[in-house]
Structures are given as C-alpha cells and as structure tokens.
N, C-alpha and C. Protein backbone atom coordinates (compact mmCIF):
# COMPACT_ATOMS: atom_id res chain seq x y z
N UNK A 1 -36.17 -12.67 37.31
CA UNK A 1 -34.74 -12.70 37.11
C UNK A 1 -34.28 -14.07 36.60
N UNK A 2 -34.81 -15.14 37.19
CA UNK A 2 -34.44 -16.49 36.79
C UNK A 2 -34.84 -16.73 35.33
N UNK A 3 -35.98 -16.23 34.92
CA UNK A 3 -36.47 -16.41 33.57
C UNK A 3 -35.53 -15.73 32.56
N UNK A 4 -35.07 -14.54 32.88
CA UNK A 4 -34.15 -13.82 32.01
C UNK A 4 -32.81 -14.56 31.91
N UNK A 5 -32.31 -15.09 32.98
CA UNK A 5 -31.06 -15.85 32.99
C UNK A 5 -31.20 -17.09 32.10
N UNK A 6 -32.33 -17.80 32.20
CA UNK A 6 -32.56 -18.99 31.39
C UNK A 6 -32.59 -18.62 29.91
N UNK A 7 -33.21 -17.50 29.56
CA UNK A 7 -33.29 -17.07 28.17
C UNK A 7 -31.89 -16.73 27.64
N UNK A 8 -31.08 -16.06 28.43
CA UNK A 8 -29.72 -15.74 28.01
C UNK A 8 -28.90 -17.02 27.82
N UNK A 9 -29.08 -17.99 28.70
CA UNK A 9 -28.35 -19.25 28.58
C UNK A 9 -28.75 -19.98 27.31
N UNK A 10 -30.04 -20.04 27.00
CA UNK A 10 -30.51 -20.69 25.78
C UNK A 10 -29.96 -19.96 24.56
N UNK A 11 -29.99 -18.63 24.59
CA UNK A 11 -29.47 -17.83 23.48
C UNK A 11 -27.99 -18.13 23.28
N UNK A 12 -27.23 -18.20 24.35
CA UNK A 12 -25.79 -18.49 24.26
C UNK A 12 -25.56 -19.89 23.70
N UNK A 13 -26.36 -20.85 24.12
CA UNK A 13 -26.20 -22.21 23.62
C UNK A 13 -26.52 -22.29 22.13
N UNK A 14 -27.60 -21.63 21.70
CA UNK A 14 -27.97 -21.62 20.30
C UNK A 14 -26.88 -20.94 19.47
N UNK A 15 -26.38 -19.83 19.95
CA UNK A 15 -25.32 -19.12 19.24
C UNK A 15 -24.08 -20.00 19.12
N UNK A 16 -23.73 -20.69 20.20
CA UNK A 16 -22.57 -21.58 20.18
C UNK A 16 -22.78 -22.73 19.22
N UNK A 17 -23.98 -23.28 19.19
CA UNK A 17 -24.29 -24.39 18.30
C UNK A 17 -24.21 -23.95 16.85
N UNK A 18 -24.75 -22.79 16.52
CA UNK A 18 -24.74 -22.35 15.13
C UNK A 18 -23.31 -22.10 14.65
N UNK A 19 -22.43 -21.65 15.53
CA UNK A 19 -21.05 -21.45 15.09
C UNK A 19 -20.37 -22.80 14.86
N UNK A 20 -20.73 -23.82 15.62
CA UNK A 20 -20.18 -25.14 15.38
C UNK A 20 -20.66 -25.69 14.05
N UNK A 21 -21.92 -25.52 13.75
CA UNK A 21 -22.48 -26.01 12.50
C UNK A 21 -21.85 -25.27 11.33
N UNK A 22 -21.68 -23.96 11.47
CA UNK A 22 -21.12 -23.17 10.38
C UNK A 22 -19.68 -23.56 10.09
N UNK A 23 -18.93 -23.99 11.10
CA UNK A 23 -17.53 -24.31 10.87
C UNK A 23 -17.33 -25.74 10.37
N UNK A 24 -18.32 -26.58 10.48
CA UNK A 24 -18.16 -27.98 10.10
C UNK A 24 -17.77 -28.16 8.63
N UNK A 25 -18.45 -27.52 7.64
CA UNK A 25 -18.04 -27.72 6.25
C UNK A 25 -16.61 -27.29 5.98
N UNK A 26 -16.16 -26.22 6.60
CA UNK A 26 -14.80 -25.74 6.38
C UNK A 26 -13.78 -26.73 6.95
N UNK A 27 -14.17 -27.46 7.98
CA UNK A 27 -13.27 -28.42 8.60
C UNK A 27 -13.28 -29.77 7.90
N UNK A 28 -14.21 -29.98 6.97
CA UNK A 28 -14.31 -31.27 6.28
C UNK A 28 -13.05 -31.52 5.46
N UNK A 29 -12.61 -32.76 5.44
CA UNK A 29 -11.42 -33.12 4.68
C UNK A 29 -11.70 -33.00 3.19
N UNK A 30 -10.77 -32.44 2.42
CA UNK A 30 -10.97 -32.38 0.97
C UNK A 30 -10.95 -33.79 0.39
N UNK A 31 -11.62 -33.97 -0.73
CA UNK A 31 -11.80 -35.31 -1.28
C UNK A 31 -11.59 -35.33 -2.79
N UNK A 32 -11.52 -36.53 -3.33
CA UNK A 32 -11.57 -36.75 -4.77
C UNK A 32 -13.02 -37.05 -5.08
N UNK A 33 -13.62 -36.29 -6.00
CA UNK A 33 -15.06 -36.43 -6.23
C UNK A 33 -15.46 -35.99 -7.62
N UNK A 34 -16.68 -36.35 -8.00
CA UNK A 34 -17.26 -35.87 -9.25
C UNK A 34 -17.49 -34.37 -9.13
N UNK A 35 -17.30 -33.66 -10.23
CA UNK A 35 -17.66 -32.24 -10.25
C UNK A 35 -18.80 -31.98 -11.24
N UNK A 36 -18.78 -32.68 -12.36
CA UNK A 36 -19.83 -32.49 -13.38
C UNK A 36 -20.01 -33.79 -14.14
N UNK A 37 -21.27 -34.06 -14.49
CA UNK A 37 -21.58 -35.20 -15.35
C UNK A 37 -22.46 -34.69 -16.48
N UNK A 38 -21.98 -34.88 -17.70
CA UNK A 38 -22.75 -34.55 -18.90
C UNK A 38 -23.42 -35.86 -19.31
N UNK A 39 -24.63 -36.11 -18.79
CA UNK A 39 -25.29 -37.39 -19.01
C UNK A 39 -26.06 -37.45 -20.33
N UNK A 40 -26.36 -36.31 -20.92
CA UNK A 40 -27.04 -36.27 -22.21
C UNK A 40 -26.12 -35.58 -23.20
N UNK A 41 -25.61 -36.33 -24.13
CA UNK A 41 -24.73 -35.78 -25.15
C UNK A 41 -25.47 -34.67 -25.89
N UNK A 42 -24.83 -33.52 -26.10
CA UNK A 42 -25.50 -32.44 -26.84
C UNK A 42 -25.95 -32.91 -28.23
N UNK A 43 -27.10 -32.46 -28.66
CA UNK A 43 -27.64 -32.88 -29.95
C UNK A 43 -28.35 -34.22 -29.82
N UNK A 44 -28.52 -34.88 -30.94
CA UNK A 44 -29.19 -36.19 -30.94
C UNK A 44 -28.21 -37.27 -30.52
N UNK A 45 -28.71 -38.28 -29.81
CA UNK A 45 -27.89 -39.44 -29.44
C UNK A 45 -27.81 -40.38 -30.63
N UNK A 46 -26.84 -40.13 -31.50
CA UNK A 46 -26.74 -40.88 -32.74
C UNK A 46 -25.93 -42.16 -32.60
N UNK A 47 -25.15 -42.27 -31.55
CA UNK A 47 -24.30 -43.45 -31.39
C UNK A 47 -22.96 -43.33 -32.07
N UNK A 48 -22.72 -42.20 -32.75
CA UNK A 48 -21.40 -41.99 -33.34
C UNK A 48 -20.40 -41.74 -32.22
N UNK A 49 -19.12 -41.88 -32.53
CA UNK A 49 -18.09 -41.64 -31.52
C UNK A 49 -18.16 -40.20 -31.01
N UNK A 50 -18.47 -39.28 -31.89
CA UNK A 50 -18.60 -37.87 -31.47
C UNK A 50 -19.74 -37.72 -30.46
N UNK A 51 -20.87 -38.37 -30.72
CA UNK A 51 -22.01 -38.33 -29.81
C UNK A 51 -21.66 -39.00 -28.48
N UNK A 52 -20.98 -40.14 -28.55
CA UNK A 52 -20.58 -40.84 -27.32
C UNK A 52 -19.64 -39.99 -26.47
N UNK A 53 -18.71 -39.29 -27.12
CA UNK A 53 -17.75 -38.47 -26.37
C UNK A 53 -18.36 -37.17 -25.85
N UNK A 54 -19.57 -36.85 -26.29
CA UNK A 54 -20.28 -35.71 -25.73
C UNK A 54 -20.83 -36.02 -24.34
N UNK A 55 -20.78 -37.27 -23.99
CA UNK A 55 -21.21 -37.75 -22.67
C UNK A 55 -19.94 -37.99 -21.85
N UNK A 56 -19.88 -37.43 -20.63
CA UNK A 56 -18.66 -37.58 -19.84
C UNK A 56 -18.91 -37.33 -18.35
N UNK A 57 -17.94 -37.75 -17.55
CA UNK A 57 -17.92 -37.41 -16.13
C UNK A 57 -16.59 -36.71 -15.85
N UNK A 58 -16.60 -35.81 -14.89
CA UNK A 58 -15.37 -35.15 -14.47
C UNK A 58 -15.11 -35.47 -13.01
N UNK A 59 -13.85 -35.80 -12.72
CA UNK A 59 -13.41 -36.13 -11.37
C UNK A 59 -12.32 -35.14 -10.99
N UNK A 60 -12.49 -34.52 -9.83
CA UNK A 60 -11.55 -33.50 -9.35
C UNK A 60 -10.86 -33.96 -8.08
N UNK A 61 -9.57 -33.67 -8.01
CA UNK A 61 -8.80 -33.94 -6.80
C UNK A 61 -8.84 -32.69 -5.92
N UNK A 62 -9.66 -32.73 -4.89
CA UNK A 62 -9.78 -31.59 -3.98
C UNK A 62 -8.84 -31.70 -2.78
N UNK A 63 -7.94 -32.69 -2.80
CA UNK A 63 -7.00 -32.85 -1.69
C UNK A 63 -5.78 -31.95 -1.91
N UNK A 64 -4.87 -31.99 -0.98
CA UNK A 64 -3.63 -31.21 -1.07
C UNK A 64 -2.45 -32.08 -1.48
N UNK A 65 -2.75 -33.26 -1.98
CA UNK A 65 -1.69 -34.18 -2.40
C UNK A 65 -2.07 -34.82 -3.73
N UNK A 66 -1.08 -35.29 -4.45
CA UNK A 66 -1.32 -36.02 -5.69
C UNK A 66 -1.90 -37.39 -5.35
N UNK A 67 -2.93 -37.79 -6.09
CA UNK A 67 -3.59 -39.07 -5.85
C UNK A 67 -3.39 -39.96 -7.09
N UNK A 68 -2.92 -41.19 -6.87
CA UNK A 68 -2.80 -42.15 -7.95
C UNK A 68 -4.15 -42.87 -8.06
N UNK A 69 -4.83 -42.70 -9.18
CA UNK A 69 -6.15 -43.29 -9.38
C UNK A 69 -6.10 -44.72 -9.94
N UNK A 70 -4.91 -45.33 -9.96
CA UNK A 70 -4.78 -46.70 -10.44
C UNK A 70 -5.77 -47.61 -9.74
N UNK A 71 -6.60 -48.30 -10.52
CA UNK A 71 -7.64 -49.24 -10.09
C UNK A 71 -8.87 -48.58 -9.47
N UNK A 72 -8.93 -47.24 -9.36
CA UNK A 72 -10.18 -46.58 -8.99
C UNK A 72 -11.13 -46.81 -10.15
N UNK A 73 -12.43 -46.69 -9.89
CA UNK A 73 -13.36 -46.86 -11.00
C UNK A 73 -14.63 -46.03 -10.85
N UNK A 74 -15.21 -45.73 -12.03
CA UNK A 74 -16.49 -45.04 -12.16
C UNK A 74 -17.49 -46.11 -12.56
N UNK A 75 -18.65 -46.10 -11.93
CA UNK A 75 -19.66 -47.12 -12.19
C UNK A 75 -21.02 -46.47 -12.37
N UNK A 76 -21.79 -46.99 -13.32
CA UNK A 76 -23.17 -46.52 -13.51
C UNK A 76 -24.09 -47.35 -12.62
N UNK A 77 -25.33 -46.92 -12.50
CA UNK A 77 -26.31 -47.66 -11.70
C UNK A 77 -26.56 -49.05 -12.30
N UNK A 78 -26.39 -49.19 -13.61
CA UNK A 78 -26.59 -50.49 -14.26
C UNK A 78 -25.35 -51.38 -14.18
N UNK A 79 -24.26 -50.85 -13.64
CA UNK A 79 -23.06 -51.67 -13.44
C UNK A 79 -21.97 -51.52 -14.49
N UNK A 80 -22.13 -50.63 -15.48
CA UNK A 80 -21.04 -50.39 -16.43
C UNK A 80 -19.88 -49.75 -15.67
N UNK A 81 -18.66 -50.19 -15.97
CA UNK A 81 -17.50 -49.74 -15.18
C UNK A 81 -16.40 -49.21 -16.08
N UNK A 82 -15.88 -48.04 -15.73
CA UNK A 82 -14.63 -47.53 -16.29
C UNK A 82 -13.60 -47.63 -15.17
N UNK A 83 -12.48 -48.32 -15.44
CA UNK A 83 -11.45 -48.49 -14.42
C UNK A 83 -10.14 -47.87 -14.92
N UNK A 84 -9.47 -47.14 -14.04
CA UNK A 84 -8.13 -46.65 -14.32
C UNK A 84 -7.21 -47.88 -14.26
N UNK A 85 -6.72 -48.34 -15.41
CA UNK A 85 -5.99 -49.61 -15.49
C UNK A 85 -4.48 -49.47 -15.33
N UNK A 86 -4.00 -48.27 -15.21
CA UNK A 86 -2.56 -48.05 -15.00
C UNK A 86 -2.41 -46.83 -14.10
N UNK A 87 -1.18 -46.56 -13.71
CA UNK A 87 -0.95 -45.39 -12.86
C UNK A 87 -1.50 -44.15 -13.55
N UNK A 88 -2.29 -43.39 -12.81
CA UNK A 88 -2.80 -42.12 -13.32
C UNK A 88 -2.76 -41.15 -12.14
N UNK A 89 -1.84 -40.22 -12.19
CA UNK A 89 -1.61 -39.29 -11.08
C UNK A 89 -2.40 -38.02 -11.30
N UNK A 90 -3.34 -37.75 -10.40
CA UNK A 90 -4.16 -36.54 -10.47
C UNK A 90 -3.65 -35.59 -9.41
N UNK A 91 -3.06 -34.50 -9.86
CA UNK A 91 -2.47 -33.52 -8.95
C UNK A 91 -3.53 -32.74 -8.19
N UNK A 92 -3.17 -32.12 -7.08
CA UNK A 92 -4.13 -31.34 -6.29
C UNK A 92 -4.80 -30.26 -7.13
N UNK A 93 -6.12 -30.16 -6.98
CA UNK A 93 -6.88 -29.13 -7.68
C UNK A 93 -7.15 -29.42 -9.15
N UNK A 94 -6.65 -30.52 -9.66
CA UNK A 94 -6.82 -30.86 -11.08
C UNK A 94 -8.04 -31.74 -11.30
N UNK A 95 -8.52 -31.73 -12.55
CA UNK A 95 -9.70 -32.49 -12.95
C UNK A 95 -9.36 -33.37 -14.14
N UNK A 96 -9.91 -34.57 -14.15
CA UNK A 96 -9.80 -35.46 -15.31
C UNK A 96 -11.21 -35.69 -15.85
N UNK A 97 -11.35 -35.65 -17.17
CA UNK A 97 -12.62 -35.90 -17.84
C UNK A 97 -12.57 -37.31 -18.43
N UNK A 98 -13.62 -38.10 -18.14
CA UNK A 98 -13.71 -39.46 -18.66
C UNK A 98 -14.86 -39.47 -19.68
N UNK A 99 -14.50 -39.57 -20.95
CA UNK A 99 -15.49 -39.55 -22.03
C UNK A 99 -15.91 -40.98 -22.37
N UNK A 100 -17.16 -41.15 -22.77
CA UNK A 100 -17.74 -42.47 -23.00
C UNK A 100 -17.13 -43.20 -24.20
N UNK A 101 -16.84 -42.49 -25.28
CA UNK A 101 -16.40 -43.14 -26.53
C UNK A 101 -14.91 -43.45 -26.57
N UNK A 102 -14.39 -43.48 -27.80
CA UNK A 102 -12.99 -43.81 -28.03
C UNK A 102 -12.18 -42.55 -28.30
N UNK A 103 -10.88 -42.63 -28.03
CA UNK A 103 -9.96 -41.54 -28.30
C UNK A 103 -8.60 -41.86 -27.69
N UNK A 104 -7.68 -40.93 -27.83
CA UNK A 104 -6.34 -41.10 -27.28
C UNK A 104 -6.29 -40.46 -25.90
N UNK A 105 -5.95 -41.27 -24.90
CA UNK A 105 -5.86 -40.77 -23.52
C UNK A 105 -4.78 -39.71 -23.39
N UNK A 106 -5.08 -38.69 -22.57
CA UNK A 106 -4.12 -37.63 -22.26
C UNK A 106 -4.05 -37.45 -20.75
N UNK A 107 -3.31 -36.45 -20.32
CA UNK A 107 -3.21 -36.16 -18.88
C UNK A 107 -4.50 -35.59 -18.31
N UNK A 108 -5.39 -35.08 -19.16
CA UNK A 108 -6.62 -34.47 -18.67
C UNK A 108 -7.90 -35.17 -19.15
N UNK A 109 -7.77 -36.06 -20.13
CA UNK A 109 -8.94 -36.75 -20.69
C UNK A 109 -8.65 -38.23 -20.86
N UNK A 110 -9.55 -39.05 -20.39
CA UNK A 110 -9.48 -40.50 -20.56
C UNK A 110 -10.71 -40.93 -21.36
N UNK A 111 -10.59 -42.06 -22.05
CA UNK A 111 -11.68 -42.55 -22.89
C UNK A 111 -12.09 -43.94 -22.44
N UNK A 112 -13.39 -44.13 -22.27
CA UNK A 112 -13.98 -45.37 -21.81
C UNK A 112 -13.90 -46.45 -22.90
N UNK A 113 -14.04 -46.02 -24.16
CA UNK A 113 -13.95 -46.95 -25.29
C UNK A 113 -15.24 -47.69 -25.60
N UNK A 114 -16.35 -47.17 -25.14
CA UNK A 114 -17.65 -47.84 -25.35
C UNK A 114 -18.21 -47.49 -26.72
N UNK A 115 -19.12 -48.34 -27.18
CA UNK A 115 -19.80 -48.10 -28.45
C UNK A 115 -21.28 -47.78 -28.24
N UNK A 116 -21.71 -47.74 -26.98
CA UNK A 116 -23.07 -47.35 -26.61
C UNK A 116 -23.00 -46.33 -25.48
N UNK A 117 -24.01 -45.47 -25.41
CA UNK A 117 -24.08 -44.49 -24.32
C UNK A 117 -24.17 -45.21 -22.97
N UNK A 118 -23.63 -44.60 -21.94
CA UNK A 118 -23.63 -45.18 -20.60
C UNK A 118 -24.76 -44.61 -19.75
N UNK A 119 -24.89 -43.30 -19.75
CA UNK A 119 -25.75 -42.63 -18.77
C UNK A 119 -27.17 -42.49 -19.28
N UNK A 120 -28.12 -42.79 -18.42
CA UNK A 120 -29.53 -42.64 -18.71
C UNK A 120 -29.86 -41.15 -18.62
N UNK A 121 -30.56 -40.62 -19.60
CA UNK A 121 -30.85 -39.18 -19.64
C UNK A 121 -31.86 -38.72 -18.60
N UNK A 122 -32.74 -39.59 -18.17
CA UNK A 122 -33.82 -39.14 -17.28
C UNK A 122 -33.59 -39.44 -15.81
N UNK A 123 -32.78 -40.44 -15.52
CA UNK A 123 -32.42 -40.71 -14.12
C UNK A 123 -31.32 -41.75 -14.09
N UNK A 124 -30.34 -41.50 -13.23
CA UNK A 124 -29.22 -42.42 -13.10
C UNK A 124 -28.40 -41.98 -11.90
N UNK A 125 -27.39 -42.74 -11.61
CA UNK A 125 -26.46 -42.40 -10.54
C UNK A 125 -25.08 -42.87 -10.96
N UNK A 126 -24.09 -42.02 -10.72
CA UNK A 126 -22.69 -42.37 -10.98
C UNK A 126 -22.01 -42.59 -9.63
N UNK A 127 -21.16 -43.60 -9.58
CA UNK A 127 -20.42 -43.92 -8.37
C UNK A 127 -18.93 -43.83 -8.66
N UNK A 128 -18.18 -43.25 -7.74
CA UNK A 128 -16.73 -43.23 -7.81
C UNK A 128 -16.22 -44.10 -6.67
N UNK A 129 -15.46 -45.14 -7.03
CA UNK A 129 -15.02 -46.10 -6.02
C UNK A 129 -13.49 -46.25 -6.01
N UNK A 130 -12.97 -46.51 -4.83
CA UNK A 130 -11.54 -46.76 -4.65
C UNK A 130 -11.24 -48.18 -5.11
N UNK A 131 -9.95 -48.56 -5.19
CA UNK A 131 -9.61 -49.92 -5.62
C UNK A 131 -10.27 -51.01 -4.77
N UNK A 132 -10.51 -50.75 -3.49
CA UNK A 132 -11.14 -51.75 -2.62
C UNK A 132 -12.66 -51.81 -2.81
N UNK A 133 -13.21 -50.88 -3.60
CA UNK A 133 -14.65 -50.82 -3.82
C UNK A 133 -15.36 -49.85 -2.90
N UNK A 134 -14.61 -49.19 -2.02
CA UNK A 134 -15.21 -48.21 -1.11
C UNK A 134 -15.80 -47.04 -1.90
N UNK A 135 -16.99 -46.63 -1.54
CA UNK A 135 -17.64 -45.51 -2.21
C UNK A 135 -16.97 -44.22 -1.80
N UNK A 136 -16.40 -43.52 -2.76
CA UNK A 136 -15.73 -42.24 -2.50
C UNK A 136 -16.67 -41.07 -2.75
N UNK A 137 -17.57 -41.23 -3.73
CA UNK A 137 -18.52 -40.17 -4.05
C UNK A 137 -19.59 -40.74 -4.98
N UNK A 138 -20.75 -40.13 -4.98
CA UNK A 138 -21.78 -40.49 -5.95
C UNK A 138 -22.51 -39.22 -6.37
N UNK A 139 -23.13 -39.29 -7.51
CA UNK A 139 -23.88 -38.15 -8.04
C UNK A 139 -25.11 -38.71 -8.74
N UNK A 140 -26.26 -38.13 -8.45
CA UNK A 140 -27.53 -38.65 -8.93
C UNK A 140 -28.34 -37.55 -9.61
N UNK A 141 -29.07 -37.94 -10.65
CA UNK A 141 -30.05 -37.04 -11.27
C UNK A 141 -31.33 -37.82 -11.46
N UNK A 142 -32.46 -37.11 -11.38
CA UNK A 142 -33.76 -37.78 -11.40
C UNK A 142 -34.69 -37.25 -12.49
N UNK A 143 -34.18 -36.39 -13.34
CA UNK A 143 -34.99 -35.90 -14.46
C UNK A 143 -34.06 -35.46 -15.57
N UNK A 144 -34.62 -35.24 -16.75
CA UNK A 144 -33.84 -34.84 -17.91
C UNK A 144 -33.08 -33.54 -17.64
N UNK A 145 -33.73 -32.58 -17.06
CA UNK A 145 -33.06 -31.32 -16.75
C UNK A 145 -32.35 -30.73 -17.96
N UNK A 146 -31.14 -30.19 -17.73
CA UNK A 146 -30.39 -29.53 -18.79
C UNK A 146 -29.42 -30.47 -19.49
N UNK A 147 -29.38 -31.73 -19.08
CA UNK A 147 -28.48 -32.69 -19.72
C UNK A 147 -27.16 -32.85 -19.00
N UNK A 148 -26.97 -32.07 -17.94
CA UNK A 148 -25.75 -32.21 -17.13
C UNK A 148 -26.08 -31.94 -15.69
N UNK A 149 -25.18 -32.37 -14.83
CA UNK A 149 -25.38 -32.21 -13.39
C UNK A 149 -24.06 -31.84 -12.75
N UNK A 150 -24.08 -30.74 -11.97
CA UNK A 150 -22.92 -30.42 -11.12
C UNK A 150 -23.10 -31.18 -9.82
N UNK A 151 -22.07 -31.85 -9.39
CA UNK A 151 -22.18 -32.72 -8.22
C UNK A 151 -21.55 -32.07 -6.99
C-alpha cells in the first residue's frame, strides 16, 4: 500500500511540474527581438548597392506598447554597428527591416549606408542592444545554410 501511495505522489508531482514548465513560455514577457536575418545576399556578392541591400536584419516589437528605438543598435560579431540615431517608434506587432546598403529611410525600412557587406555567410552573430548597451537579443548562425536565419 505504501509503495502505491509513493508512486501516486511521484506521478502527481511530475504532472504538476510538467504543467509549470508548459506554462512558462506563455508567461514570458514579450520582447523586441530579431525575427529574420538575411546574411547572404541573394545571387553573387558583387558589392553593388543592390547586393548590399539584399542583406538585412528584421527587428520585431513583440510587446503591447510602442517602443522608441532611439539609440538602440544592431551589432555584428566584428563590431560593426547600426544605431537608430533619431526617434524611431516601432508599434506593437510591427517589424522594421535594416538593410546594409544605402537608400531612403521609411517607417518600415532603415538603411545602414555601408559600402561593404556586414554579415559573414558561414558563421556570425547579430546583437540587438538597448541604448545602455544591455543585450536585448542575439541571433547566431554557424554554417552557410540557406542564406538566412529565423531567430
């Protein structure tokens, strides 16, 4: 009888633990984070502005409030930095694409203004940092793969 009681208690504890684990992701606070990184520009890396703009990162606001990204920055593992230099309000559920080359900034697309590719095709890491330098999110790839990474 004691053995059966102990087994039921262990079963109840395991069941209780699994429900706690299952609910943890749903309880996690929504964040501002990378959603996709196109680290290998489609086609040949020619260095043209079109080729540079084929390389990009996307940042999504998963919170329930508008976030001002002023002074937030995206950083490569080698230290190249794109910084939001003025007020940029990203509404809840919205995404901004940051392209490597030059272009005219819009509400949904920003341009880094570089003349060389930023992201390494075979392995690299992108960092999203707050104005204080706090790491908000990172995304890493370790092989060529398909040329993009969902984060």
